Amino acid sequence: MVEVKRLEKEFRETKALDSVSLRFDEGQIHGLIGRNGSGKTVLLKLLCGLMAPTRGEVWINGEPYRPDRLRESMGILIEAPGFLDARSGLTNLLYLAAIRGKIGREQVRETMRSVGLDPDNRKPVRKYSMGMRQRLGIAQAIMEDPDILLLDEPTNGLDRQGVEELRTLLLGLRARGKIIVLASHSREDINLLCDVVTELESGRIVRSGKM
């Protein structure tokens, strides 16, 4: 279980997140909705430690967390994923997998196949379509089998088949007890996938509850 308590983030005179308290339970997909600038991406960045809160706390399993420790069990796709453009998708993921050494080459290859990418394709990432880049970003997020997934607009750039495949993948991960936090502008994705939905506006929660 992940819980945020009175989380706030200020940038000079702008309050991007204002006293947000939420709980994310295992085996659920929690949707975040709201207009651009509502605070969805800021919340995701605070959850994974890419930003430090101005005030408030994040707890995991009843204890305050250190961002580096939480990221060990977290898969993240926030904004456009960055890769080495001159290298293939497989090479990029192998480089990333080598940082922690939790998985080997075959697990990386299998993850690529699970998101619809051919691990034997030597095309450099700079020649990837937007949809292929997004699939590679999703593969990077899930390849180490994290307990928590933070996904910001994961269907961006995907064709209809890719969207359906991603939905099936996420539902399978939910069935395995993962915590998934999904920020999306797609009402269809939210309606089909999410167990709980929170709407943000100007950094504040205006609605939160089960679907």
C-alpha atoms as a PDB file:
ATOM      1  CA  MET A   1       0.000   0.000   0.000  1.00  0.00           C
ATOM      2  CA  VAL A   2       1.222   3.488  -0.883  1.00  0.00           C
ATOM      3  CA  GLU A   3      -0.218   6.521   0.870  1.00  0.00           C
ATOM      4  CA  VAL A   4       0.345  10.237   0.393  1.00  0.00           C
ATOM      5  CA  LYS A   5      -0.473  12.556   3.267  1.00  0.00           C
ATOM      6  CA  ARG A   6      -1.159  16.292   2.765  1.00  0.00           C
ATOM      7  CA  LEU A   7       1.282  16.424  -0.130  1.00  0.00           C
ATOM      8  CA  GLU A   8       2.131  19.899  -1.441  1.00  0.00           C
ATOM      9  CA  LYS A   9       4.463  21.231  -4.116  1.00  0.00           C
ATOM     10  CA  GLU A  10       5.198  24.887  -4.741  1.00  0.00           C
ATOM     11  CA  PHE A  11       7.135  26.543  -7.553  1.00  0.00           C
ATOM     12  CA  ARG A  12       7.822  30.122  -6.424  1.00  0.00           C
ATOM     13  CA  GLU A  13       4.329  31.614  -6.160  1.00  0.00           C
ATOM     14  CA  THR A  14       2.548  28.705  -7.871  1.00  0.00           C
ATOM     15  CA  LYS A  15       1.109  25.840  -5.839  1.00  0.00           C
ATOM     16  CA  ALA A  16       1.169  22.860  -8.225  1.00  0.00           C
ATOM     17  CA  LEU A  17      -0.145  20.434  -5.608  1.00  0.00           C
ATOM     18  CA  ASP A  18      -2.219  21.502  -2.625  1.00  0.00           C
ATOM     19  CA  SER A  19      -2.751  19.230   0.399  1.00  0.00           C
ATOM     20  CA  VAL A  20      -3.329  15.999  -1.553  1.00  0.00           C
ATOM     21  CA  SER A  21      -3.994  12.862   0.486  1.00  0.00           C
ATOM     22  CA  LEU A  22      -4.541   9.540  -1.313  1.00  0.00           C
ATOM     23  CA  ARG A  23      -4.119   5.822  -0.806  1.00  0.00           C
ATOM     24  CA  PHE A  24      -3.106   3.362  -3.531  1.00  0.00           C
ATOM     25  CA  ASP A  25      -3.863  -0.290  -2.730  1.00  0.00           C
ATOM     26  CA  GLU A  26      -2.362  -3.405  -4.284  1.00  0.00           C
ATOM     27  CA  GLY A  27      -4.346  -5.166  -6.979  1.00  0.00           C
ATOM     28  CA  GLN A  28      -5.910  -1.916  -8.177  1.00  0.00           C
ATOM     29  CA  ILE A  29      -5.511   0.511 -11.049  1.00  0.00           C
ATOM     30  CA  HIS A  30      -5.882   4.035  -9.740  1.00  0.00           C
ATOM     31  CA  GLY A  31      -6.686   6.628 -12.390  1.00  0.00           C
ATOM     32  CA  LEU A  32      -5.662  10.286 -12.255  1.00  0.00           C
ATOM     33  CA  ILE A  33      -7.646  12.655 -14.437  1.00  0.00           C
ATOM     34  CA  GLY A  34      -7.700  16.415 -14.951  1.00  0.00           C
ATOM     35  CA  ARG A  35      -6.755  19.097 -17.428  1.00  0.00           C
ATOM     36  CA  ASN A  36      -3.180  19.955 -18.344  1.00  0.00           C
ATOM     37  CA  GLY A  37      -1.605  21.673 -15.348  1.00  0.00           C
ATOM     38  CA  SER A  38      -3.983  20.055 -12.860  1.00  0.00           C
ATOM     39  CA  GLY A  39      -1.133  18.361 -10.971  1.00  0.00           C
ATOM     40  CA  LYS A  40      -1.222  14.774 -12.287  1.00  0.00           C
ATOM     41  CA  THR A  41       2.372  14.629 -13.518  1.00  0.00           C
ATOM     42  CA  VAL A  42       3.672  16.534 -10.487  1.00  0.00           C
ATOM     43  CA  LEU A  43       2.032  13.948  -8.217  1.00  0.00           C
ATOM     44  CA  LEU A  44       3.660  11.092 -10.133  1.00  0.00           C
ATOM     45  CA  LYS A  45       7.067  12.780  -9.905  1.00  0.00           C
ATOM     46  CA  LEU A  46       6.668  13.240  -6.163  1.00  0.00           C
ATOM     47  CA  LEU A  47       5.685   9.599  -5.758  1.00  0.00           C
ATOM     48  CA  CYS A  48       8.838   8.348  -7.440  1.00  0.00           C
ATOM     49  CA  GLY A  49      11.209  10.907  -5.951  1.00  0.00           C
ATOM     50  CA  LEU A  50      11.960  12.855  -9.133  1.00  0.00           C
ATOM     51  CA  MET A  51      10.768  15.883  -7.156  1.00  0.00           C
ATOM     52  CA  ALA A  52      10.846  16.594  -3.439  1.00  0.00           C
ATOM     53  CA  PRO A  53       7.608  17.785  -1.834  1.00  0.00           C
ATOM     54  CA  THR A  54       7.383  21.218  -0.294  1.00  0.00           C
ATOM     55  CA  ARG A  55       5.312  19.696   2.477  1.00  0.00           C
ATOM     56  CA  GLY A  56       3.683  16.361   3.214  1.00  0.00           C
ATOM     57  CA  GLU A  57       4.740  12.730   3.263  1.00  0.00           C
ATOM     58  CA  VAL A  58       4.654   9.563   1.193  1.00  0.00           C
ATOM     59  CA  TRP A  59       4.349   6.252   3.068  1.00  0.00           C
ATOM     60  CA  ILE A  60       4.709   2.678   1.845  1.00  0.00           C
ATOM     61  CA  ASN A  61       3.354  -0.240   3.849  1.00  0.00           C
ATOM     62  CA  GLY A  62       2.878   1.995   6.872  1.00  0.00           C
ATOM     63  CA  GLU A  63       6.372   3.503   6.922  1.00  0.00           C
ATOM     64  CA  PRO A  64       7.798   6.746   5.529  1.00  0.00           C
ATOM     65  CA  TYR A  65       9.853   5.959   2.457  1.00  0.00           C
ATOM     66  CA  ARG A  66      13.193   6.932   1.024  1.00  0.00           C
ATOM     67  CA  PRO A  67      12.840   7.635  -2.739  1.00  0.00           C
ATOM     68  CA  ASP A  68      15.834   5.490  -3.668  1.00  0.00           C
ATOM     69  CA  ARG A  69      14.440   2.513  -1.776  1.00  0.00           C
ATOM     70  CA  LEU A  70      10.946   2.843  -3.254  1.00  0.00           C
ATOM     71  CA  ARG A  71      12.258   3.156  -6.807  1.00  0.00           C
ATOM     72  CA  GLU A  72      13.784  -0.304  -6.491  1.00  0.00           C
ATOM     73  CA  SER A  73      10.254  -1.737  -6.630  1.00  0.00           C
ATOM     74  CA  MET A  74       8.800   0.823  -9.031  1.00  0.00           C
ATOM     75  CA  GLY A  75       8.367   1.031 -12.795  1.00  0.00           C
ATOM     76  CA  ILE A  76       8.045   4.547 -14.190  1.00  0.00           C
ATOM     77  CA  LEU A  77       6.850   6.035 -17.472  1.00  0.00           C
ATOM     78  CA  ILE A  78       6.587   9.805 -17.086  1.00  0.00           C
ATOM     79  CA  GLU A  79       6.617  12.147 -20.088  1.00  0.00           C
ATOM     80  CA  ALA A  80       8.676  11.169 -23.142  1.00  0.00           C
ATOM     81  CA  PRO A  81      11.058   8.301 -22.303  1.00  0.00           C
ATOM     82  CA  GLY A  82      14.708   9.045 -23.074  1.00  0.00           C
ATOM     83  CA  PHE A  83      16.859   6.486 -24.874  1.00  0.00           C
ATOM     84  CA  LEU A  84      20.188   6.316 -26.698  1.00  0.00           C
ATOM     85  CA  ASP A  85      18.986   7.115 -30.206  1.00  0.00           C
ATOM     86  CA  ALA A  86      21.881   5.445 -32.017  1.00  0.00           C
ATOM     87  CA  ARG A  87      21.289   2.083 -30.306  1.00  0.00           C
ATOM     88  CA  SER A  88      18.637  -0.559 -30.825  1.00  0.00           C
ATOM     89  CA  GLY A  89      15.729  -1.020 -28.465  1.00  0.00           C
ATOM     90  CA  LEU A  90      17.233  -4.230 -27.089  1.00  0.00           C
ATOM     91  CA  THR A  91      20.607  -2.600 -26.450  1.00  0.00           C
ATOM     92  CA  ASN A  92      18.940   0.288 -24.630  1.00  0.00           C
ATOM     93  CA  LEU A  93      17.024  -2.027 -22.330  1.00  0.00           C
ATOM     94  CA  LEU A  94      20.071  -4.203 -21.696  1.00  0.00           C
ATOM     95  CA  TYR A  95      22.034  -1.119 -20.628  1.00  0.00           C
ATOM     96  CA  LEU A  96      19.248  -0.182 -18.204  1.00  0.00           C
ATOM     97  CA  ALA A  97      18.881  -3.744 -16.909  1.00  0.00           C
ATOM     98  CA  ALA A  98      22.607  -3.889 -16.163  1.00  0.00           C
ATOM     99  CA  ILE A  99      22.339  -1.000 -13.679  1.00  0.00           C
ATOM    100  CA  ARG A 100      20.698  -3.164 -11.024  1.00  0.00           C
ATOM    101  CA  GLY A 101      21.407  -6.589 -12.452  1.00  0.00           C
ATOM    102  CA  LYS A 102      18.008  -7.982 -11.459  1.00  0.00           C
ATOM    103  CA  ILE A 103      17.185  -9.521 -14.847  1.00  0.00           C
ATOM    104  CA  GLY A 104      19.096 -11.008 -17.748  1.00  0.00           C
ATOM    105  CA  ARG A 105      18.991 -10.860 -21.510  1.00  0.00           C
ATOM    106  CA  GLU A 106      16.174 -13.360 -21.971  1.00  0.00           C
ATOM    107  CA  GLN A 107      13.852 -11.530 -19.569  1.00  0.00           C
ATOM    108  CA  VAL A 108      14.510  -8.311 -21.491  1.00  0.00           C
ATOM    109  CA  ARG A 109      13.760 -10.019 -24.794  1.00  0.00           C
ATOM    110  CA  GLU A 110      10.556 -11.530 -23.429  1.00  0.00           C
ATOM    111  CA  THR A 111       9.406  -8.153 -22.124  1.00  0.00           C
ATOM    112  CA  MET A 112       9.946  -6.597 -25.546  1.00  0.00           C
ATOM    113  CA  ARG A 113       7.847  -9.302 -27.141  1.00  0.00           C
ATOM    114  CA  SER A 114       5.105  -8.748 -24.541  1.00  0.00           C
ATOM    115  CA  VAL A 115       4.697  -5.120 -25.707  1.00  0.00           C
ATOM    116  CA  GLY A 116       4.787  -5.975 -29.403  1.00  0.00           C
ATOM    117  CA  LEU A 117       8.445  -5.211 -30.189  1.00  0.00           C
ATOM    118  CA  ASP A 118      10.865  -7.547 -31.954  1.00  0.00           C
ATOM    119  CA  PRO A 119      14.046  -7.859 -29.845  1.00  0.00           C
ATOM    120  CA  ASP A 120      15.996  -8.924 -32.950  1.00  0.00           C
ATOM    121  CA  ASN A 121      15.166  -5.698 -34.789  1.00  0.00           C
ATOM    122  CA  ARG A 122      18.472  -3.794 -34.990  1.00  0.00           C
ATOM    123  CA  LYS A 123      16.866  -0.518 -36.074  1.00  0.00           C
ATOM    124  CA  PRO A 124      18.256   2.360 -33.968  1.00  0.00           C
ATOM    125  CA  VAL A 125      15.758   4.047 -31.698  1.00  0.00           C
ATOM    126  CA  ARG A 126      16.070   7.313 -33.664  1.00  0.00           C
ATOM    127  CA  LYS A 127      14.214   5.538 -36.491  1.00  0.00           C
ATOM    128  CA  TYR A 128      11.424   4.331 -34.233  1.00  0.00           C
ATOM    129  CA  SER A 129       7.920   5.669 -34.716  1.00  0.00           C
ATOM    130  CA  MET A 130       6.275   7.424 -31.778  1.00  0.00           C
ATOM    131  CA  GLY A 131       4.303   4.269 -31.058  1.00  0.00           C
ATOM    132  CA  MET A 132       7.426   2.094 -31.045  1.00  0.00           C
ATOM    133  CA  ARG A 133       9.133   4.514 -28.642  1.00  0.00           C
ATOM    134  CA  GLN A 134       6.119   4.357 -26.365  1.00  0.00           C
ATOM    135  CA  ARG A 135       6.163   0.549 -26.421  1.00  0.00           C
ATOM    136  CA  LEU A 136       9.861   0.628 -25.550  1.00  0.00           C
ATOM    137  CA  GLY A 137       9.123   2.995 -22.663  1.00  0.00           C
ATOM    138  CA  ILE A 138       6.448   0.624 -21.375  1.00  0.00           C
ATOM    139  CA  ALA A 139       8.883  -2.302 -21.677  1.00  0.00           C
ATOM    140  CA  GLN A 140      11.454  -0.352 -19.653  1.00  0.00           C
ATOM    141  CA  ALA A 141       8.853   0.321 -16.943  1.00  0.00           C
ATOM    142  CA  ILE A 142       7.709  -3.296 -16.530  1.00  0.00           C
ATOM    143  CA  MET A 143      10.799  -5.378 -17.367  1.00  0.00           C
ATOM    144  CA  GLU A 144      12.021  -5.811 -13.769  1.00  0.00           C
ATOM    145  CA  ASP A 145       8.545  -6.891 -12.579  1.00  0.00           C
ATOM    146  CA  PRO A 146       8.002  -3.924 -10.216  1.00  0.00           C
ATOM    147  CA  ASP A 147       5.375  -3.920  -7.478  1.00  0.00           C
ATOM    148  CA  ILE A 148       4.313  -0.356  -8.343  1.00  0.00           C
ATOM    149  CA  LEU A 149       3.779   1.153 -11.789  1.00  0.00           C
ATOM    150  CA  LEU A 150       3.489   4.898 -12.403  1.00  0.00           C
ATOM    151  CA  LEU A 151       2.290   5.594 -15.934  1.00  0.00           C
ATOM    152  CA  ASP A 152       1.741   9.050 -17.429  1.00  0.00           C
ATOM    153  CA  GLU A 153      -0.382   8.903 -20.602  1.00  0.00           C
ATOM    154  CA  PRO A 154       0.863   5.394 -21.507  1.00  0.00           C
ATOM    155  CA  THR A 155      -1.326   5.084 -24.626  1.00  0.00           C
ATOM    156  CA  ASN A 156       0.162   8.187 -26.294  1.00  0.00           C
ATOM    157  CA  GLY A 157       1.281   7.350 -29.829  1.00  0.00           C
ATOM    158  CA  LEU A 158      -0.142   3.820 -29.798  1.00  0.00           C
ATOM    159  CA  ASP A 159      -2.417   2.585 -32.568  1.00  0.00           C
ATOM    160  CA  ARG A 160      -5.664   0.807 -31.747  1.00  0.00           C
ATOM    161  CA  GLN A 161      -3.994  -2.594 -31.559  1.00  0.00           C
ATOM    162  CA  GLY A 162      -1.286  -1.207 -29.277  1.00  0.00           C
ATOM    163  CA  VAL A 163      -3.882   0.330 -26.975  1.00  0.00           C
ATOM    164  CA  GLU A 164      -5.762  -2.960 -26.705  1.00  0.00           C
ATOM    165  CA  GLU A 165      -2.535  -4.873 -26.024  1.00  0.00           C
ATOM    166  CA  LEU A 166      -1.540  -2.404 -23.305  1.00  0.00           C
ATOM    167  CA  ARG A 167      -4.933  -2.650 -21.645  1.00  0.00           C
ATOM    168  CA  THR A 168      -4.676  -6.435 -21.577  1.00  0.00           C
ATOM    169  CA  LEU A 169      -1.166  -6.189 -20.140  1.00  0.00           C
ATOM    170  CA  LEU A 170      -2.231  -3.787 -17.373  1.00  0.00           C
ATOM    171  CA  LEU A 171      -5.239  -5.886 -16.405  1.00  0.00           C
ATOM    172  CA  GLY A 172      -2.947  -8.899 -16.140  1.00  0.00           C
ATOM    173  CA  LEU A 173      -0.570  -6.987 -13.874  1.00  0.00           C
ATOM    174  CA  ARG A 174      -3.487  -5.861 -11.724  1.00  0.00           C
ATOM    175  CA  ALA A 175      -4.570  -9.481 -11.354  1.00  0.00           C
ATOM    176  CA  ARG A 176      -1.082 -10.248 -10.025  1.00  0.00           C
ATOM    177  CA  GLY A 177      -1.516  -7.702  -7.233  1.00  0.00           C
ATOM    178  CA  LYS A 178       0.431  -4.770  -8.652  1.00  0.00           C
ATOM    179  CA  ILE A 179      -0.265  -1.167  -7.672  1.00  0.00           C
ATOM    180  CA  ILE A 180      -0.818   0.821 -10.872  1.00  0.00           C
ATOM    181  CA  VAL A 181      -1.259   4.603 -10.933  1.00  0.00           C
ATOM    182  CA  LEU A 182      -2.381   5.759 -14.357  1.00  0.00           C
ATOM    183  CA  ALA A 183      -2.661   9.392 -15.461  1.00  0.00           C
ATOM    184  CA  SER A 184      -4.643   9.729 -18.668  1.00  0.00           C
ATOM    185  CA  HIS A 185      -6.775  12.075 -20.735  1.00  0.00           C
ATOM    186  CA  SER A 186      -8.515   9.053 -22.286  1.00  0.00           C
ATOM    187  CA  ARG A 187     -11.919   8.555 -20.710  1.00  0.00           C
ATOM    188  CA  GLU A 188     -12.114   5.175 -22.409  1.00  0.00           C
ATOM    189  CA  ASP A 189      -8.906   3.982 -20.738  1.00  0.00           C
ATOM    190  CA  ILE A 190     -10.075   5.291 -17.367  1.00  0.00           C
ATOM    191  CA  ASN A 191     -13.506   3.666 -17.679  1.00  0.00           C
ATOM    192  CA  LEU A 192     -12.200   0.304 -18.871  1.00  0.00           C
ATOM    193  CA  LEU A 193      -9.180  -0.042 -16.602  1.00  0.00           C
ATOM    194  CA  CYS A 194      -9.508   1.853 -13.362  1.00  0.00           C
ATOM    195  CA  ASP A 195     -10.893   0.678 -10.039  1.00  0.00           C
ATOM    196  CA  VAL A 196     -10.549   4.081  -8.376  1.00  0.00           C
ATOM    197  CA  VAL A 197     -10.423   7.502 -10.039  1.00  0.00           C
ATOM    198  CA  THR A 198      -9.173  10.811  -8.633  1.00  0.00           C
ATOM    199  CA  GLU A 199      -9.800  14.097 -10.422  1.00  0.00           C
ATOM    200  CA  LEU A 200      -7.385  16.958  -9.849  1.00  0.00           C
ATOM    201  CA  GLU A 201      -7.972  20.616 -10.583  1.00  0.00           C
ATOM    202  CA  SER A 202      -5.405  23.346  -9.887  1.00  0.00           C
ATOM    203  CA  GLY A 203      -3.472  20.943  -7.690  1.00  0.00           C
ATOM    204  CA  ARG A 204      -6.401  19.934  -5.486  1.00  0.00           C
ATOM    205  CA  ILE A 205      -8.583  16.845  -5.373  1.00  0.00           C
ATOM    206  CA  VAL A 206     -12.089  17.653  -6.560  1.00  0.00           C
ATOM    207  CA  ARG A 207     -13.371  14.072  -6.756  1.00  0.00           C
ATOM    208  CA  SER A 208     -12.090  10.654  -5.733  1.00  0.00           C
ATOM    209  CA  GLY A 209     -13.823   7.304  -5.494  1.00  0.00           C
ATOM    210  CA  LYS A 210     -14.435   3.853  -6.909  1.00  0.00           C
ATOM    211  CA  MET A 211     -15.667   3.410 -10.454  1.00  0.00           C
END
